[in-house]
């Protein structure tokens, strides 16, 4: 596998990835019977928490071992594309929420 810096391709895939996470959280909360009044806030809260972990904004350390995620996406030719630094899914949660809850 080859690791390639590809800003626009990464951004497009990351937006799809983030929207999918937000949607799946919403669906699971609905399946669990969460009231409509709480659904949006809980979806956002959980999505932002997960995004913080993906983006390496939340410190992860267990038994002295630090974990620093680095998001990449596999292309059709089994190569990997990346952004060049930490991902920014956290910043995309609000746009995904807007599309999911207000359109």
N, C-alpha and C. Protein backbone atom coordinates (compact mmCIF):
# COMPACT_ATOMS: atom_id res chain seq x y z
N UNK A 1 0.83 -1.18 0.00
CA UNK A 1 0.00 0.00 0.00
C UNK A 1 0.87 1.24 0.00
N UNK A 2 0.42 2.20 -0.75
CA UNK A 2 1.12 3.47 -0.85
C UNK A 2 0.31 4.54 -0.11
N UNK A 3 0.97 5.35 0.69
CA UNK A 3 0.33 6.44 1.42
C UNK A 3 0.51 7.73 0.62
N UNK A 4 -0.61 8.36 0.24
CA UNK A 4 -0.57 9.53 -0.63
C UNK A 4 -1.27 10.71 0.04
N UNK A 5 -0.65 11.87 -0.01
CA UNK A 5 -1.26 13.11 0.47
C UNK A 5 -2.24 13.58 -0.60
N UNK A 6 -3.52 13.68 -0.24
CA UNK A 6 -4.55 14.06 -1.20
C UNK A 6 -5.65 14.84 -0.48
N UNK A 7 -5.46 16.15 -0.37
CA UNK A 7 -6.36 16.99 0.43
C UNK A 7 -7.82 16.91 0.00
N UNK A 8 -8.11 17.14 -1.25
CA UNK A 8 -9.52 17.19 -1.67
C UNK A 8 -10.18 15.82 -1.61
N UNK A 9 -9.46 14.78 -2.02
CA UNK A 9 -10.02 13.42 -1.94
C UNK A 9 -10.27 13.04 -0.49
N UNK A 10 -9.33 13.37 0.38
CA UNK A 10 -9.48 13.06 1.80
C UNK A 10 -10.69 13.80 2.37
N UNK A 11 -10.80 15.08 2.05
CA UNK A 11 -11.90 15.89 2.57
C UNK A 11 -13.26 15.35 2.17
N UNK A 12 -13.39 14.94 0.92
CA UNK A 12 -14.66 14.39 0.44
C UNK A 12 -15.00 13.09 1.17
N UNK A 13 -14.02 12.22 1.33
CA UNK A 13 -14.26 10.95 2.02
C UNK A 13 -14.54 11.18 3.51
N UNK A 14 -13.82 12.12 4.09
CA UNK A 14 -14.02 12.40 5.51
C UNK A 14 -15.43 12.94 5.77
N UNK A 15 -15.95 13.76 4.87
CA UNK A 15 -17.31 14.29 5.02
C UNK A 15 -18.34 13.16 4.97
N UNK A 16 -18.16 12.23 4.05
CA UNK A 16 -19.05 11.07 3.95
C UNK A 16 -18.94 10.22 5.21
N UNK A 17 -17.73 9.97 5.66
CA UNK A 17 -17.46 9.17 6.86
C UNK A 17 -18.12 9.79 8.09
N UNK A 18 -17.96 11.09 8.25
CA UNK A 18 -18.53 11.79 9.40
C UNK A 18 -20.06 11.74 9.35
N UNK A 19 -20.63 12.00 8.19
CA UNK A 19 -22.09 11.96 8.05
C UNK A 19 -22.63 10.57 8.37
N UNK A 20 -21.91 9.54 7.97
CA UNK A 20 -22.34 8.17 8.25
C UNK A 20 -22.32 7.88 9.75
N UNK A 21 -21.28 8.33 10.43
CA UNK A 21 -21.21 8.15 11.89
C UNK A 21 -22.39 8.83 12.56
N UNK A 22 -22.65 10.08 12.19
CA UNK A 22 -23.75 10.84 12.80
C UNK A 22 -25.09 10.14 12.55
N UNK A 23 -25.30 9.71 11.33
CA UNK A 23 -26.56 9.04 10.99
C UNK A 23 -26.74 7.74 11.77
N UNK A 24 -25.68 6.95 11.88
CA UNK A 24 -25.79 5.68 12.61
C UNK A 24 -26.05 5.90 14.10
N UNK A 25 -25.46 6.94 14.65
CA UNK A 25 -25.73 7.27 16.06
C UNK A 25 -27.21 7.61 16.22
N UNK A 26 -27.72 8.45 15.34
CA UNK A 26 -29.13 8.85 15.40
C UNK A 26 -30.05 7.62 15.32
N UNK A 27 -29.78 6.75 14.36
CA UNK A 27 -30.61 5.56 14.17
C UNK A 27 -30.60 4.68 15.43
N UNK A 28 -29.43 4.46 15.99
CA UNK A 28 -29.34 3.61 17.18
C UNK A 28 -30.06 4.24 18.38
N UNK A 29 -29.98 5.55 18.51
CA UNK A 29 -30.70 6.23 19.59
C UNK A 29 -32.21 6.13 19.38
N UNK A 30 -32.64 6.25 18.14
CA UNK A 30 -34.07 6.08 17.84
C UNK A 30 -34.52 4.66 18.16
N UNK A 31 -33.71 3.68 17.77
CA UNK A 31 -34.04 2.28 18.06
C UNK A 31 -34.12 2.03 19.56
N UNK A 32 -33.34 2.77 20.33
CA UNK A 32 -33.34 2.62 21.78
C UNK A 32 -34.50 3.37 22.43
N UNK A 33 -35.27 4.09 21.63
CA UNK A 33 -36.44 4.78 22.15
C UNK A 33 -36.16 6.15 22.75
N UNK A 34 -35.06 6.77 22.38
CA UNK A 34 -34.77 8.11 22.88
C UNK A 34 -35.83 9.08 22.36
N UNK A 35 -36.32 9.90 23.26
CA UNK A 35 -37.37 10.87 22.91
C UNK A 35 -36.85 11.86 21.87
N UNK A 36 -37.74 12.28 20.99
CA UNK A 36 -37.38 13.20 19.91
C UNK A 36 -36.73 14.47 20.44
N UNK A 37 -37.19 14.97 21.59
CA UNK A 37 -36.64 16.20 22.17
C UNK A 37 -35.17 16.05 22.55
N UNK A 38 -34.76 14.85 22.88
CA UNK A 38 -33.38 14.60 23.31
C UNK A 38 -32.50 14.07 22.18
N UNK A 39 -33.12 13.64 21.10
CA UNK A 39 -32.40 12.93 20.03
C UNK A 39 -31.28 13.77 19.42
N UNK A 40 -31.56 15.00 19.08
CA UNK A 40 -30.55 15.84 18.43
C UNK A 40 -29.37 16.12 19.36
N UNK A 41 -29.65 16.49 20.59
CA UNK A 41 -28.56 16.79 21.54
C UNK A 41 -27.70 15.58 21.82
N UNK A 42 -28.33 14.43 22.03
CA UNK A 42 -27.56 13.21 22.29
C UNK A 42 -26.75 12.78 21.07
N UNK A 43 -27.35 12.88 19.89
CA UNK A 43 -26.63 12.53 18.67
C UNK A 43 -25.38 13.41 18.53
N UNK A 44 -25.54 14.71 18.71
CA UNK A 44 -24.41 15.63 18.60
C UNK A 44 -23.36 15.34 19.65
N UNK A 45 -23.78 15.12 20.87
CA UNK A 45 -22.84 14.87 21.97
C UNK A 45 -22.01 13.62 21.72
N UNK A 46 -22.66 12.55 21.32
CA UNK A 46 -21.95 11.29 21.07
C UNK A 46 -21.05 11.44 19.85
N UNK A 47 -21.56 12.04 18.78
CA UNK A 47 -20.76 12.22 17.56
C UNK A 47 -19.52 13.06 17.82
N UNK A 48 -19.66 14.14 18.57
CA UNK A 48 -18.51 14.99 18.88
C UNK A 48 -17.49 14.25 19.74
N UNK A 49 -17.98 13.42 20.64
CA UNK A 49 -17.08 12.63 21.48
C UNK A 49 -16.27 11.64 20.63
N UNK A 50 -16.94 10.95 19.73
CA UNK A 50 -16.26 10.00 18.85
C UNK A 50 -15.30 10.72 17.92
N UNK A 51 -15.74 11.84 17.36
CA UNK A 51 -14.88 12.62 16.46
C UNK A 51 -13.62 13.09 17.17
N UNK A 52 -13.75 13.48 18.42
CA UNK A 52 -12.58 13.90 19.19
C UNK A 52 -11.55 12.79 19.34
N UNK A 53 -12.03 11.57 19.47
CA UNK A 53 -11.12 10.42 19.56
C UNK A 53 -10.46 10.17 18.20
N UNK A 54 -11.25 10.17 17.14
CA UNK A 54 -10.73 9.94 15.80
C UNK A 54 -9.68 10.99 15.43
N UNK A 55 -9.96 12.24 15.79
CA UNK A 55 -9.08 13.36 15.43
C UNK A 55 -7.88 13.52 16.36
N UNK A 56 -7.76 12.64 17.34
CA UNK A 56 -6.66 12.70 18.31
C UNK A 56 -6.73 13.95 19.18
N UNK A 57 -7.96 14.39 19.47
CA UNK A 57 -8.16 15.53 20.36
C UNK A 57 -8.32 15.08 21.81
N UNK A 58 -8.70 13.84 21.99
CA UNK A 58 -8.88 13.27 23.32
C UNK A 58 -7.66 12.43 23.65
N UNK A 59 -7.00 12.76 24.71
CA UNK A 59 -5.83 11.97 25.09
C UNK A 59 -6.21 10.54 25.42
N UNK A 60 -5.54 9.61 24.81
CA UNK A 60 -5.78 8.19 25.06
C UNK A 60 -4.47 7.61 25.58
N UNK A 61 -4.54 7.05 26.76
CA UNK A 61 -3.34 6.44 27.37
C UNK A 61 -3.80 5.34 28.30
N UNK A 62 -3.21 4.17 28.15
CA UNK A 62 -3.50 3.03 29.01
C UNK A 62 -2.18 2.38 29.38
N UNK A 63 -1.98 2.23 30.66
CA UNK A 63 -0.76 1.59 31.18
C UNK A 63 0.51 2.19 30.59
N UNK A 64 0.52 3.51 30.45
CA UNK A 64 1.70 4.20 29.96
C UNK A 64 1.85 4.22 28.44
N UNK A 65 0.95 3.57 27.72
CA UNK A 65 1.01 3.55 26.27
C UNK A 65 0.05 4.60 25.72
N UNK A 66 0.59 5.61 25.05
CA UNK A 66 -0.24 6.63 24.42
C UNK A 66 -0.66 6.15 23.03
N UNK A 67 -1.90 6.44 22.68
CA UNK A 67 -2.45 6.05 21.39
C UNK A 67 -2.83 7.32 20.63
N UNK A 68 -2.31 7.45 19.42
CA UNK A 68 -2.57 8.62 18.58
C UNK A 68 -3.11 8.16 17.23
N UNK A 69 -4.43 8.20 17.05
CA UNK A 69 -5.01 7.78 15.77
C UNK A 69 -4.62 8.72 14.63
N UNK A 70 -4.58 8.17 13.44
CA UNK A 70 -4.28 8.94 12.23
C UNK A 70 -5.18 8.40 11.13
N UNK A 71 -6.19 9.17 10.75
CA UNK A 71 -7.20 8.70 9.81
C UNK A 71 -6.67 8.69 8.37
N UNK A 72 -6.91 7.59 7.70
CA UNK A 72 -6.63 7.46 6.27
C UNK A 72 -7.83 6.78 5.63
N UNK A 73 -7.89 6.85 4.31
CA UNK A 73 -8.94 6.17 3.56
C UNK A 73 -8.31 5.35 2.46
N UNK A 74 -8.82 4.14 2.30
CA UNK A 74 -8.33 3.26 1.24
C UNK A 74 -9.03 3.63 -0.06
N UNK A 75 -8.28 3.70 -1.13
CA UNK A 75 -8.83 4.00 -2.45
C UNK A 75 -9.16 2.70 -3.18
N UNK A 76 -9.76 2.84 -4.35
CA UNK A 76 -10.14 1.65 -5.13
C UNK A 76 -8.95 0.79 -5.51
N UNK A 77 -7.77 1.40 -5.62
CA UNK A 77 -6.58 0.64 -5.97
C UNK A 77 -5.78 0.20 -4.73
N UNK A 78 -6.45 0.17 -3.58
CA UNK A 78 -5.90 -0.28 -2.30
C UNK A 78 -4.71 0.57 -1.82
N UNK A 79 -4.65 1.81 -2.24
CA UNK A 79 -3.70 2.74 -1.65
C UNK A 79 -4.40 3.52 -0.55
N UNK A 80 -3.64 4.24 0.21
CA UNK A 80 -4.19 5.04 1.31
C UNK A 80 -3.99 6.52 1.03
N UNK A 81 -5.03 7.31 1.28
CA UNK A 81 -4.89 8.75 1.17
C UNK A 81 -5.01 9.36 2.56
N UNK A 82 -4.31 10.46 2.77
CA UNK A 82 -4.35 11.12 4.07
C UNK A 82 -4.36 12.63 3.87
N UNK A 83 -4.53 13.34 4.97
CA UNK A 83 -4.67 14.79 4.98
C UNK A 83 -3.34 15.48 5.22
N UNK A 84 -2.39 14.79 5.82
CA UNK A 84 -1.10 15.38 6.13
C UNK A 84 -0.94 15.74 7.59
N UNK A 85 -2.02 15.69 8.32
CA UNK A 85 -2.01 15.93 9.76
C UNK A 85 -3.26 15.27 10.33
N UNK A 86 -3.60 15.58 11.57
CA UNK A 86 -4.78 14.97 12.17
C UNK A 86 -6.02 15.29 11.35
N UNK A 87 -6.95 14.36 11.37
CA UNK A 87 -8.22 14.58 10.67
C UNK A 87 -9.01 15.69 11.37
N UNK A 88 -10.11 16.11 10.75
CA UNK A 88 -10.93 17.17 11.31
C UNK A 88 -12.41 16.80 11.27
N UNK A 89 -12.71 15.55 11.62
CA UNK A 89 -14.10 15.10 11.64
C UNK A 89 -14.91 15.91 12.64
N UNK A 90 -14.28 16.34 13.74
CA UNK A 90 -14.97 17.12 14.76
C UNK A 90 -15.63 18.35 14.14
N UNK A 91 -14.93 19.00 13.25
CA UNK A 91 -15.45 20.21 12.61
C UNK A 91 -16.58 19.90 11.63
N UNK A 92 -16.68 18.68 11.18
CA UNK A 92 -17.70 18.32 10.20
C UNK A 92 -18.98 17.78 10.83
N UNK A 93 -18.97 17.54 12.13
CA UNK A 93 -20.15 17.00 12.79
C UNK A 93 -21.33 17.96 12.65
N UNK A 94 -21.13 19.25 12.83
CA UNK A 94 -22.24 20.19 12.78
C UNK A 94 -22.89 20.24 11.40
N UNK A 95 -22.10 20.19 10.35
CA UNK A 95 -22.67 20.15 9.00
C UNK A 95 -23.47 18.88 8.77
N UNK A 96 -22.97 17.77 9.26
CA UNK A 96 -23.68 16.50 9.13
C UNK A 96 -24.98 16.53 9.95
N UNK A 97 -24.92 17.12 11.12
CA UNK A 97 -26.12 17.26 11.96
C UNK A 97 -27.17 18.12 11.26
N UNK A 98 -26.73 19.20 10.67
CA UNK A 98 -27.65 20.11 9.98
C UNK A 98 -28.37 19.39 8.85
N UNK A 99 -27.63 18.62 8.05
CA UNK A 99 -28.23 17.88 6.94
C UNK A 99 -29.19 16.82 7.46
N UNK A 100 -28.83 16.18 8.54
CA UNK A 100 -29.63 15.06 9.07
C UNK A 100 -30.90 15.54 9.77
N UNK A 101 -30.82 16.64 10.48
CA UNK A 101 -31.95 17.08 11.29
C UNK A 101 -32.76 18.23 10.68
N UNK A 102 -32.20 18.95 9.70
CA UNK A 102 -32.90 20.14 9.20
C UNK A 102 -33.14 20.16 7.70
N UNK A 103 -32.92 19.04 7.03
CA UNK A 103 -33.24 19.02 5.59
C UNK A 103 -34.15 17.86 5.29
